[in-house]
């Protein structure tokens, strides 16, 4: 799949929903989506991921480009 083939954003949105479900299934204490806002051709957002985490009532955190996070924040 090429980044400009029109299918990329559909596939990535699906991965967002699946990532949220996997996080819930494995009992992750927090899940953070990655790879959005990394490349100019990647116009997807974490919106589908966030919606699914909310639907599943699972903790998540969306980081903006350049923002950092450490596991000590889980305490």
Protein backbone atom coordinates (compact mmCIF):
# COMPACT_ATOMS: atom_id res chain seq x y z
CA UNK A 1 0.00 0.00 0.00
CA UNK A 2 1.36 3.41 -0.95
CA UNK A 3 0.72 6.43 1.30
CA UNK A 4 -1.22 8.20 -1.45
CA UNK A 5 -3.41 5.31 -2.55
CA UNK A 6 -6.53 6.44 -0.68
CA UNK A 7 -6.65 3.32 1.48
CA UNK A 8 -4.05 4.29 4.06
CA UNK A 9 -6.31 6.36 6.30
CA UNK A 10 -9.03 3.69 6.28
CA UNK A 11 -6.57 1.00 7.33
CA UNK A 12 -4.99 3.19 10.00
CA UNK A 13 -8.38 4.06 11.48
CA UNK A 14 -9.13 0.35 11.71
CA UNK A 15 -5.81 -0.20 13.48
CA UNK A 16 -6.79 2.49 15.98
CA UNK A 17 -9.95 0.63 16.93
CA UNK A 18 -8.08 -2.67 17.08
CA UNK A 19 -5.30 -1.15 19.20
CA UNK A 20 -7.84 0.11 21.72
CA UNK A 21 -9.46 -3.33 21.90
CA UNK A 22 -6.12 -5.13 22.30
CA UNK A 23 -5.13 -2.75 25.10
CA UNK A 24 -8.39 -3.55 26.88
CA UNK A 25 -8.01 -7.29 26.26
CA UNK A 26 -4.50 -7.46 27.72
CA UNK A 27 -5.37 -5.25 30.68
CA UNK A 28 -3.00 -2.40 29.82
CA UNK A 29 -3.20 0.30 32.47
CA UNK A 30 -2.90 3.01 29.82
CA UNK A 31 -2.62 3.02 26.04
CA UNK A 32 -0.99 5.71 23.90
CA UNK A 33 -1.52 5.82 20.13
CA UNK A 34 1.53 6.42 17.97
CA UNK A 35 2.42 7.39 14.43
CA UNK A 36 -0.19 10.14 13.95
CA UNK A 37 1.25 13.52 13.01
CA UNK A 38 4.59 11.89 12.15
CA UNK A 39 4.57 12.17 8.37
CA UNK A 40 3.09 14.76 6.05
CA UNK A 41 1.24 12.10 4.02
CA UNK A 42 -0.34 10.58 7.13
CA UNK A 43 -3.46 12.66 7.57
CA UNK A 44 -5.14 10.28 10.00
CA UNK A 45 -5.94 11.37 13.51
CA UNK A 46 -6.29 9.33 16.70
CA UNK A 47 -10.03 10.11 16.73
CA UNK A 48 -11.20 6.55 16.02
CA UNK A 49 -8.81 5.24 18.67
CA UNK A 50 -10.06 7.76 21.23
CA UNK A 51 -13.69 6.99 20.44
CA UNK A 52 -13.08 3.27 20.87
CA UNK A 53 -11.19 3.76 24.15
CA UNK A 54 -14.09 5.84 25.43
CA UNK A 55 -16.59 3.23 24.27
CA UNK A 56 -14.57 0.53 26.05
CA UNK A 57 -14.05 2.79 29.09
CA UNK A 58 -10.30 2.20 28.82
CA UNK A 59 -7.61 4.70 29.93
CA UNK A 60 -5.68 6.40 27.14
CA UNK A 61 -3.51 9.41 26.54
CA UNK A 62 -2.93 11.14 23.21
CA UNK A 63 0.42 12.89 22.93
CA UNK A 64 0.89 15.76 20.52
CA UNK A 65 3.99 15.98 18.35
CA UNK A 66 7.01 16.56 20.58
CA UNK A 67 5.17 15.83 23.84
CA UNK A 68 6.73 13.26 26.16
CA UNK A 69 5.37 10.88 28.78
CA UNK A 70 6.96 8.68 31.43
CA UNK A 71 5.63 5.59 33.16
CA UNK A 72 6.01 7.31 36.54
CA UNK A 73 2.78 9.11 35.63
CA UNK A 74 0.92 5.81 36.18
CA UNK A 75 1.60 5.85 39.93
